[in-house]
Amino acid sequence: MNSQNTFAAFKQRALQPKTTTRVVVNQLAKARQRNQTKRAIRDIKLLTRFDRELKAEDTKRTSHLYSRLVKDNRAAPLDPIFGNRLPVVARRSVNATSTHLPQLHSKVLGLLQPKLMHGYMRQDVDWLGERARQVVEQMGRSRLELTGDDVSNLLSCFVGNTGAVDQVWQYATLSGVVRNIDCYNNYLNAKIFAKDYERAFHVLEEIAEAGLQPNVTTQAYLIRLYGLTGDLAAARRVFEQVSGEGSVVVYNDMLDVLGMNGLVEEMRQLFLDMTGLAPLASELSKLTADDCQRAQGAVAPNRKTFHILIKWHSQYWDVDTAANYVRVMSEAFHIQPVAKTFKLIISPQTAVREFQKCASIGVLMGETYDITPPGYIVRTLERAAKQIADMEEMVRKSEAQRSSIFYDLFGSSSESSTSASQ
């Protein structure tokens, strides 16, 4: 009986369809192919969003999308059981992002720039630096080499970090990366920003030794370097040589040099000359959009132009003129002010000295320009109000103490003389 049952069970198992290893491999291959197709469709959507945010210069959203794309496309280890025995995947199912990753790295490095962030603070610069380091590490894991453009973008990203700038420059020198004039310009700008003026002049010599032709940006940095080192005559000489090219970069740096040397009236006149408004308007408050359309200016100002004008007028306590420049940039030149525009006016020093005007400008941000005052502007006004209240309390106590001392000195003596006469 037992032998018959054993034979029946064996016969039943023999009649069942066999599930071979090859069948399992094919099933897994089809499942993996479906997953790759879904991932390819998702990556195409992410790439579309990445390009859209990149054009909008939205640094944080672009960086987030880049992290998702890199995370989804890290090389996964092969299955140890089946090895490489998977069938060939169709072309449409190949990961769409894998061929774009080198371009994504370079695009993100080009976007991680402080100059593209309006009203950034120290923590924003630190965030940019950390993100740039992560991109470089990912490029290292992918065995991708930095190009000259990547080096240029890194130097611009780490402009406030002297140690990181020197490391990038040393890497480019030792690894033989071909450095173009943009690399040298960003390195020169980093040294000027770090106030290492001696090294900055050496960089200019290295540009000549490398056989590179200085461009307009190089000349603009040279103007700023001369202005910071107190050689205003040399700065004017360089400006006269290159101002005919009509570059707003050159005019901006010359305006900045005039402002830092206290030549506010000459700075204002240069602005009128560059825009062609000198014959049309003798006073800044009279400038209109029609004046700007009729002007035959060689150079159209940008937002940085007005930021320079606003910054120096505010630092010299001319808040009314600074606020007038905000109106001119918006109404006459149709350049939208940003939060940084008002941050240049509402500084801690200006807020204490001209609290009522700064508070009015803070209200003007929301009512006229539809800009919600950021936290650092609100905190600046709050600290200024508290500081003013503390100073008024100190003055009140000082006056009360002075009155008490005056009474003790003269009041008591007059009472004693009265009693003596009686």
Protein backbone atom coordinates (compact mmCIF):
# COMPACT_ATOMS: atom_id res chain seq x y z
CA MET A 1 0.00 0.00 0.00
CA ASN A 2 2.77 2.34 0.89
CA SER A 3 4.64 1.56 -2.32
CA GLN A 4 1.53 2.29 -4.41
CA ASN A 5 1.03 5.69 -2.71
CA THR A 6 4.66 6.61 -3.23
CA PHE A 7 4.48 5.69 -6.90
CA ALA A 8 1.25 7.74 -7.37
CA ALA A 9 2.80 10.80 -5.75
CA PHE A 10 5.91 10.46 -7.91
CA LYS A 11 3.76 10.12 -11.06
CA GLN A 12 1.73 13.23 -10.13
CA ARG A 13 4.84 15.32 -9.62
CA ALA A 14 6.25 14.07 -12.91
CA LEU A 15 3.13 15.13 -14.81
CA GLN A 16 3.27 18.71 -13.40
CA PRO A 17 4.92 21.42 -15.64
CA LYS A 18 8.57 21.95 -14.82
CA THR A 19 9.72 25.33 -13.57
CA THR A 20 13.28 25.55 -14.80
CA THR A 21 15.93 28.10 -13.85
CA ARG A 22 15.68 29.61 -17.33
CA VAL A 23 11.97 30.33 -16.82
CA VAL A 24 12.72 32.14 -13.57
CA VAL A 25 15.43 34.18 -15.26
CA ASN A 26 13.06 35.23 -18.05
CA GLN A 27 10.38 36.21 -15.57
CA LEU A 28 12.81 38.31 -13.58
CA ALA A 29 14.12 39.86 -16.78
CA LYS A 30 10.63 40.89 -17.86
CA ALA A 31 9.91 42.35 -14.42
CA ARG A 32 13.16 44.26 -14.45
CA GLN A 33 12.46 45.51 -17.97
CA ARG A 34 9.06 46.81 -16.88
CA ASN A 35 10.68 48.59 -13.92
CA GLN A 36 13.30 50.12 -16.20
CA THR A 37 10.60 51.37 -18.54
CA LYS A 38 8.73 52.99 -15.65
CA ARG A 39 11.96 54.53 -14.36
CA ALA A 40 12.81 55.85 -17.82
CA ILE A 41 9.42 57.57 -18.07
CA ARG A 42 9.86 59.03 -14.58
CA ASP A 43 13.37 60.25 -15.41
CA ILE A 44 12.16 61.93 -18.59
CA LYS A 45 9.62 63.85 -16.52
CA LEU A 46 12.32 64.76 -13.98
CA LEU A 47 14.63 65.93 -16.77
CA THR A 48 11.88 68.15 -18.15
CA ARG A 49 11.32 69.68 -14.72
CA PHE A 50 15.09 70.02 -14.25
CA ASP A 51 15.47 72.01 -17.47
CA ARG A 52 12.50 74.21 -16.57
CA GLU A 53 13.85 75.07 -13.11
CA LEU A 54 17.33 75.54 -14.58
CA LYS A 55 16.04 78.18 -17.00
CA ALA A 56 14.20 79.86 -14.13
CA GLU A 57 17.50 79.86 -12.14
CA ASP A 58 15.76 78.27 -9.17
CA THR A 59 18.85 76.96 -7.39
CA LYS A 60 17.26 74.91 -4.63
CA ARG A 61 14.62 73.18 -6.74
CA THR A 62 17.13 72.37 -9.45
CA SER A 63 19.52 70.95 -6.86
CA HIS A 64 16.73 68.82 -5.40
CA LEU A 65 15.83 67.41 -8.82
CA TYR A 66 19.49 66.72 -9.52
CA SER A 67 19.75 64.72 -6.28
CA ARG A 68 16.73 62.65 -7.25
CA LEU A 69 18.10 61.95 -10.72
CA VAL A 70 21.51 60.92 -9.40
CA LYS A 71 19.99 58.77 -6.67
CA ASP A 72 17.72 56.94 -9.13
CA ASN A 73 20.57 56.26 -11.55
CA ARG A 74 23.29 54.92 -9.31
CA ALA A 75 24.65 51.67 -10.69
CA ALA A 76 22.97 48.80 -8.83
CA PRO A 77 25.02 45.60 -8.23
CA LEU A 78 24.20 42.59 -10.41
CA ASP A 79 22.22 39.70 -9.01
CA PRO A 80 24.83 37.21 -7.68
CA ILE A 81 22.64 34.26 -8.65
CA PHE A 82 22.04 35.05 -12.28
CA GLY A 83 25.06 37.27 -13.02
CA ASN A 84 24.90 38.83 -16.51
CA ARG A 85 22.54 36.28 -18.03
CA LEU A 86 19.71 38.79 -18.56
CA PRO A 87 18.34 39.35 -22.05
CA VAL A 88 19.10 42.55 -23.99
CA VAL A 89 16.87 45.42 -22.91
CA ALA A 90 14.98 47.31 -25.58
CA ARG A 91 16.34 50.73 -26.57
CA ARG A 92 13.22 52.52 -25.35
CA SER A 93 13.71 51.02 -21.88
CA VAL A 94 17.25 52.24 -21.40
CA ASN A 95 17.52 54.76 -18.57
CA ALA A 96 17.08 58.13 -20.23
CA THR A 97 19.20 59.96 -17.66
CA SER A 98 22.37 57.88 -17.81
CA THR A 99 23.63 59.62 -20.95
CA HIS A 100 22.76 63.05 -19.52
CA LEU A 101 24.46 62.72 -16.13
CA PRO A 102 27.76 64.40 -17.17
CA GLN A 103 25.74 67.34 -18.51
CA LEU A 104 23.64 67.44 -15.34
CA HIS A 105 26.76 67.75 -13.19
CA SER A 106 28.07 70.68 -15.21
CA LYS A 107 24.67 72.39 -15.38
CA VAL A 108 24.21 72.19 -11.62
CA LEU A 109 27.71 73.53 -10.98
CA GLY A 110 26.90 76.44 -13.28
CA LEU A 111 23.77 77.18 -11.26
CA LEU A 112 25.31 76.94 -7.77
CA GLN A 113 26.46 80.57 -7.83
CA PRO A 114 25.87 83.17 -5.10
CA LYS A 115 25.38 85.84 -7.76
CA LEU A 116 22.19 84.06 -8.88
CA MET A 117 20.65 84.25 -5.40
CA HIS A 118 19.06 87.56 -4.41
CA GLY A 119 19.50 88.57 -0.80
CA TYR A 120 21.48 85.49 0.16
CA MET A 121 22.96 85.14 3.63
CA ARG A 122 25.93 83.23 5.03
CA GLN A 123 23.98 80.00 5.50
CA ASP A 124 22.93 80.16 1.83
CA VAL A 125 26.57 80.42 0.75
CA ASP A 126 27.46 77.46 2.99
CA TRP A 127 24.60 75.49 1.45
CA LEU A 128 25.86 76.26 -2.06
CA GLY A 129 29.36 75.13 -1.13
CA GLU A 130 28.10 71.88 0.37
CA ARG A 131 26.00 71.12 -2.70
CA ALA A 132 28.97 71.82 -4.98
CA ARG A 133 31.10 69.40 -2.95
CA GLN A 134 28.43 66.73 -3.31
CA VAL A 135 28.36 67.22 -7.09
CA VAL A 136 32.16 66.90 -7.28
CA GLU A 137 32.05 63.74 -5.16
CA GLN A 138 29.39 62.27 -7.42
CA MET A 139 31.53 63.08 -10.46
CA GLY A 140 34.43 61.30 -8.77
CA ARG A 141 32.31 58.20 -8.15
CA SER A 142 31.27 58.28 -11.80
CA ARG A 143 34.94 58.64 -12.82
CA LEU A 144 34.27 61.92 -14.62
CA GLU A 145 37.00 64.54 -14.91
CA LEU A 146 36.46 68.23 -14.28
CA THR A 147 36.50 70.41 -17.37
CA GLY A 148 37.66 74.00 -17.60
CA ASP A 149 34.05 75.19 -17.30
CA ASP A 150 33.55 73.04 -14.20
CA VAL A 151 36.66 74.57 -12.60
CA SER A 152 35.39 78.04 -13.47
CA ASN A 153 32.00 77.32 -11.90
CA LEU A 154 33.59 75.90 -8.75
CA LEU A 155 35.81 78.97 -8.34
CA SER A 156 32.74 81.19 -8.66
CA CYS A 157 30.78 79.05 -6.19
CA PHE A 158 33.55 79.09 -3.53
CA VAL A 159 34.33 82.79 -3.99
CA GLY A 160 34.02 83.44 -0.24
CA ASN A 161 35.97 80.33 0.81
CA THR A 162 39.68 80.98 0.32
CA GLY A 163 40.75 77.44 1.24
CA ALA A 164 38.33 75.81 -1.21
CA VAL A 165 39.31 78.23 -3.99
CA ASP A 166 42.99 77.41 -3.53
CA GLN A 167 42.26 73.67 -3.53
CA VAL A 168 40.31 73.90 -6.78
CA TRP A 169 43.05 75.99 -8.38
CA GLN A 170 45.75 73.57 -7.21
CA TYR A 171 43.77 70.61 -8.57
CA ALA A 172 43.40 72.33 -11.95
CA THR A 173 47.13 73.08 -12.03
CA LEU A 174 48.31 69.60 -11.07
CA SER A 175 45.78 67.66 -13.17
CA GLY A 176 46.48 69.67 -16.30
CA VAL A 177 42.96 71.03 -16.79
CA VAL A 178 42.92 73.50 -19.67
CA ARG A 179 42.00 76.79 -18.01
CA ASN A 180 40.38 79.47 -20.13
CA ILE A 181 40.08 83.17 -19.39
CA ASP A 182 36.88 82.57 -17.39
CA CYS A 183 38.82 80.36 -14.95
CA TYR A 184 41.42 83.06 -14.43
CA ASN A 185 38.72 85.73 -14.07
CA ASN A 186 36.88 83.82 -11.36
CA TYR A 187 40.14 83.08 -9.54
CA LEU A 188 41.07 86.78 -9.79
CA ASN A 189 37.65 87.73 -8.42
CA ALA A 190 38.07 85.29 -5.52
CA LYS A 191 41.43 86.82 -4.59
CA ILE A 192 40.02 90.35 -4.77
CA PHE A 193 37.10 89.25 -2.60
CA ALA A 194 39.56 87.77 -0.07
CA LYS A 195 41.54 91.07 -0.12
CA ASP A 196 44.63 89.21 -1.28
CA TYR A 197 45.57 92.03 -3.65
CA GLU A 198 49.18 90.96 -4.12
CA ARG A 199 48.11 87.53 -5.35
CA ALA A 200 45.50 89.20 -7.56
CA PHE A 201 48.18 91.19 -9.39
CA HIS A 202 50.17 87.96 -9.82
CA VAL A 203 47.11 86.32 -11.41
CA LEU A 204 47.08 89.12 -13.98
CA GLU A 205 50.70 88.31 -14.78
CA GLU A 206 49.83 84.61 -15.11
CA ILE A 207 47.12 85.49 -17.63
CA ALA A 208 49.73 87.20 -19.80
CA GLU A 209 52.15 84.28 -19.38
CA ALA A 210 49.44 81.81 -20.42
CA GLY A 211 48.97 83.73 -23.66
CA LEU A 212 45.31 84.49 -22.91
CA GLN A 213 43.64 87.65 -24.10
CA PRO A 214 42.00 89.61 -21.23
CA ASN A 215 38.32 90.21 -21.89
CA VAL A 216 35.91 92.83 -20.61
CA THR A 217 35.42 91.01 -17.30
CA THR A 218 39.17 90.97 -16.71
CA GLN A 219 39.33 94.72 -17.30
CA ALA A 220 36.39 95.29 -14.95
CA TYR A 221 38.13 93.33 -12.19
CA LEU A 222 41.30 95.34 -12.84
CA ILE A 223 39.33 98.57 -12.36
CA ARG A 224 37.99 97.28 -9.07
CA LEU A 225 41.44 96.13 -7.98
CA TYR A 226 42.93 99.56 -8.65
CA GLY A 227 40.03 101.20 -6.79
CA LEU A 228 40.47 98.97 -3.74
CA THR A 229 44.20 99.64 -3.62
CA GLY A 230 43.64 103.41 -3.80
CA ASP A 231 44.98 103.97 -7.32
CA LEU A 232 41.99 105.90 -8.65
CA ALA A 233 43.98 107.39 -11.53
CA ALA A 234 44.86 103.91 -12.85
CA ALA A 235 41.24 102.81 -12.50
CA ARG A 236 40.09 105.81 -14.54
CA ARG A 237 42.77 105.11 -17.15
CA VAL A 238 41.64 101.50 -17.63
CA PHE A 239 38.00 102.58 -17.71
CA GLU A 240 38.65 105.12 -20.46
CA GLN A 241 40.32 102.41 -22.53
CA VAL A 242 37.45 99.91 -22.35
CA SER A 243 34.36 102.06 -21.76
CA GLY A 244 33.83 102.39 -25.50
CA GLU A 245 32.94 98.68 -25.69
CA GLY A 246 29.64 99.48 -23.99
CA SER A 247 29.80 96.77 -21.34
CA VAL A 248 27.64 97.26 -18.28
CA VAL A 249 30.13 95.17 -16.26
CA VAL A 250 32.83 97.81 -16.74
CA TYR A 251 30.48 100.66 -15.84
CA ASN A 252 29.26 98.84 -12.73
CA ASP A 253 32.76 98.37 -11.37
CA MET A 254 33.69 101.98 -12.13
CA LEU A 255 30.54 103.15 -10.33
CA ASP A 256 31.53 100.99 -7.38
CA VAL A 257 35.05 102.42 -7.33
CA LEU A 258 33.71 105.99 -7.33
CA GLY A 259 31.31 105.13 -4.52
CA MET A 260 33.94 103.50 -2.31
CA ASN A 261 36.14 106.58 -2.73
CA GLY A 262 33.33 108.93 -1.67
CA LEU A 263 32.80 110.49 -5.12
CA VAL A 264 29.02 110.22 -5.00
CA GLU A 265 28.31 113.15 -7.30
CA GLU A 266 30.71 111.83 -9.94
CA MET A 267 29.10 108.41 -9.56
CA ARG A 268 25.68 109.92 -10.21
CA GLN A 269 26.97 111.80 -13.26
CA LEU A 270 28.53 108.63 -14.68
CA PHE A 271 25.17 106.88 -14.34
CA LEU A 272 23.48 109.66 -16.30
CA ASP A 273 26.21 109.53 -18.95
CA MET A 274 26.06 105.75 -19.39
CA THR A 275 22.29 105.83 -19.84
CA GLY A 276 22.29 108.96 -22.01
CA LEU A 277 20.01 110.77 -19.56
CA ALA A 278 22.36 113.65 -18.74
CA PRO A 279 20.87 116.09 -21.32
CA LEU A 280 17.31 115.07 -20.48
CA ALA A 281 17.17 115.25 -16.71
CA SER A 282 19.14 117.40 -14.30
CA GLU A 283 17.49 115.84 -11.26
CA LEU A 284 17.04 112.18 -10.58
CA SER A 285 13.50 112.61 -9.28
CA LYS A 286 12.32 113.83 -12.69
CA LEU A 287 13.36 110.73 -14.64
CA THR A 288 10.45 108.94 -16.35
CA ALA A 289 9.99 105.99 -18.67
CA ASP A 290 9.60 108.39 -21.62
CA ASP A 291 12.99 109.92 -20.81
CA CYS A 292 14.58 106.47 -20.89
CA GLN A 293 12.99 105.69 -24.26
CA ARG A 294 14.27 108.94 -25.79
CA ALA A 295 17.73 108.59 -24.29
CA GLN A 296 20.59 107.63 -26.59
CA GLY A 297 22.61 105.86 -23.96
CA ALA A 298 25.43 103.52 -24.85
CA VAL A 299 24.75 101.13 -21.98
CA ALA A 300 21.52 99.87 -20.44
CA PRO A 301 21.79 99.51 -16.64
CA ASN A 302 20.92 96.26 -14.92
CA ARG A 303 19.87 95.42 -11.39
CA LYS A 304 23.45 95.40 -10.12
CA THR A 305 23.91 98.97 -11.42
CA PHE A 306 21.11 100.22 -9.20
CA HIS A 307 22.25 98.09 -6.28
CA ILE A 308 25.62 99.83 -6.40
CA LEU A 309 23.99 103.27 -6.49
CA ILE A 310 21.58 102.39 -3.68
CA LYS A 311 24.32 100.84 -1.54
CA TRP A 312 26.64 103.84 -1.55
CA HIS A 313 23.91 106.46 -1.09
CA SER A 314 22.62 104.48 1.89
CA GLN A 315 26.07 104.14 3.42
CA TYR A 316 26.50 107.92 3.15
CA TRP A 317 23.12 108.39 4.94
CA ASP A 318 21.29 109.65 1.83
CA VAL A 319 18.27 107.39 2.25
CA ASP A 320 15.95 109.61 0.19
CA THR A 321 18.14 109.39 -2.92
CA ALA A 322 18.58 105.65 -2.42
CA ALA A 323 14.80 105.19 -2.26
CA ASN A 324 14.47 107.35 -5.36
CA TYR A 325 16.79 105.01 -7.26
CA VAL A 326 14.44 102.16 -6.34
CA ARG A 327 11.59 104.08 -7.95
CA VAL A 328 13.67 104.86 -11.05
CA MET A 329 14.74 101.26 -11.58
CA SER A 330 11.15 100.08 -11.33
CA GLU A 331 9.19 102.81 -13.10
CA ALA A 332 11.71 104.20 -15.58
CA PHE A 333 13.78 101.12 -16.48
CA HIS A 334 11.22 98.39 -15.62
CA ILE A 335 13.68 96.44 -13.47
CA GLN A 336 11.86 94.69 -10.66
CA PRO A 337 13.39 95.33 -7.22
CA VAL A 338 14.09 92.27 -5.08
CA ALA A 339 14.51 91.77 -1.36
CA LYS A 340 18.23 92.47 -1.60
CA THR A 341 17.43 95.91 -3.06
CA PHE A 342 15.76 96.96 0.17
CA LYS A 343 18.30 95.15 2.33
CA LEU A 344 20.93 97.58 0.98
CA ILE A 345 18.88 100.48 2.35
CA ILE A 346 17.63 98.94 5.60
CA SER A 347 21.02 98.09 7.07
CA PRO A 348 21.57 97.96 10.86
CA GLN A 349 23.38 101.31 10.85
CA THR A 350 20.87 103.09 8.57
CA ALA A 351 17.88 101.68 10.44
CA VAL A 352 19.09 103.20 13.72
CA ARG A 353 19.96 106.57 12.17
CA GLU A 354 16.90 106.88 9.91
CA PHE A 355 14.38 104.59 11.57
CA GLN A 356 11.20 106.28 10.37
CA LYS A 357 12.36 106.37 6.74
CA CYS A 358 13.54 102.76 6.83
CA ALA A 359 10.25 101.66 8.39
CA SER A 360 8.35 103.47 5.63
CA ILE A 361 10.47 101.77 2.99
CA GLY A 362 9.75 98.41 4.64
CA VAL A 363 6.02 99.10 4.35
CA LEU A 364 6.55 100.23 0.75
CA MET A 365 7.99 96.80 -0.12
CA GLY A 366 4.64 95.11 0.30
CA GLU A 367 2.29 97.86 -0.77
CA THR A 368 4.05 99.06 -3.93
CA TYR A 369 6.33 96.24 -5.06
CA ASP A 370 4.44 93.23 -3.68
CA ILE A 371 7.50 91.92 -1.85
CA THR A 372 7.01 90.34 1.55
CA PRO A 373 9.71 91.75 3.86
CA PRO A 374 12.06 88.85 4.64
CA GLY A 375 12.96 87.90 8.17
CA TYR A 376 16.34 89.64 8.26
CA ILE A 377 14.77 93.01 7.34
CA VAL A 378 12.07 92.61 9.99
CA ARG A 379 14.67 91.65 12.59
CA THR A 380 16.84 94.63 11.60
CA LEU A 381 13.94 97.04 12.14
CA GLU A 382 12.99 95.37 15.43
CA ARG A 383 16.54 95.58 16.77
CA ALA A 384 16.80 99.20 15.62
CA ALA A 385 13.52 100.07 17.40
CA LYS A 386 14.74 98.39 20.59
CA GLN A 387 18.11 100.13 20.34
CA ILE A 388 16.43 103.51 19.86
CA ALA A 389 14.14 102.86 22.83
CA ASP A 390 17.16 101.90 24.96
CA MET A 391 19.01 105.06 23.93
CA GLU A 392 15.98 107.21 24.73
CA GLU A 393 15.71 105.56 28.14
CA MET A 394 19.42 106.22 28.76
CA VAL A 395 18.97 109.86 27.79
CA ARG A 396 15.95 110.19 30.08
CA LYS A 397 17.84 108.67 33.02
CA SER A 398 20.85 110.84 32.27
CA GLU A 399 18.74 114.00 32.24
CA ALA A 400 17.02 112.96 35.45
CA GLN A 401 20.37 112.28 37.09
CA ARG A 402 21.75 115.58 35.86
CA SER A 403 18.72 117.42 37.29
CA SER A 404 19.22 115.65 40.61
CA ILE A 405 22.90 116.61 40.73
CA PHE A 406 22.04 120.21 39.81
CA TYR A 407 19.51 120.36 42.64
CA ASP A 408 21.96 118.87 45.14
CA LEU A 409 24.63 121.41 44.21
CA PHE A 410 22.61 124.57 43.85
CA GLY A 411 19.30 123.84 45.51
CA SER A 412 20.80 123.05 48.95
CA SER A 413 23.13 126.06 48.85
CA SER A 414 20.25 128.43 48.07
CA GLU A 415 18.25 127.00 50.97
CA SER A 416 21.18 127.45 53.38
CA SER A 417 21.70 131.06 52.27
CA THR A 418 18.02 131.77 52.79
CA SER A 419 18.08 130.35 56.28
CA ALA A 420 21.24 132.32 57.11
CA SER A 421 19.68 135.59 55.99
CA GLN A 422 16.65 134.92 58.13
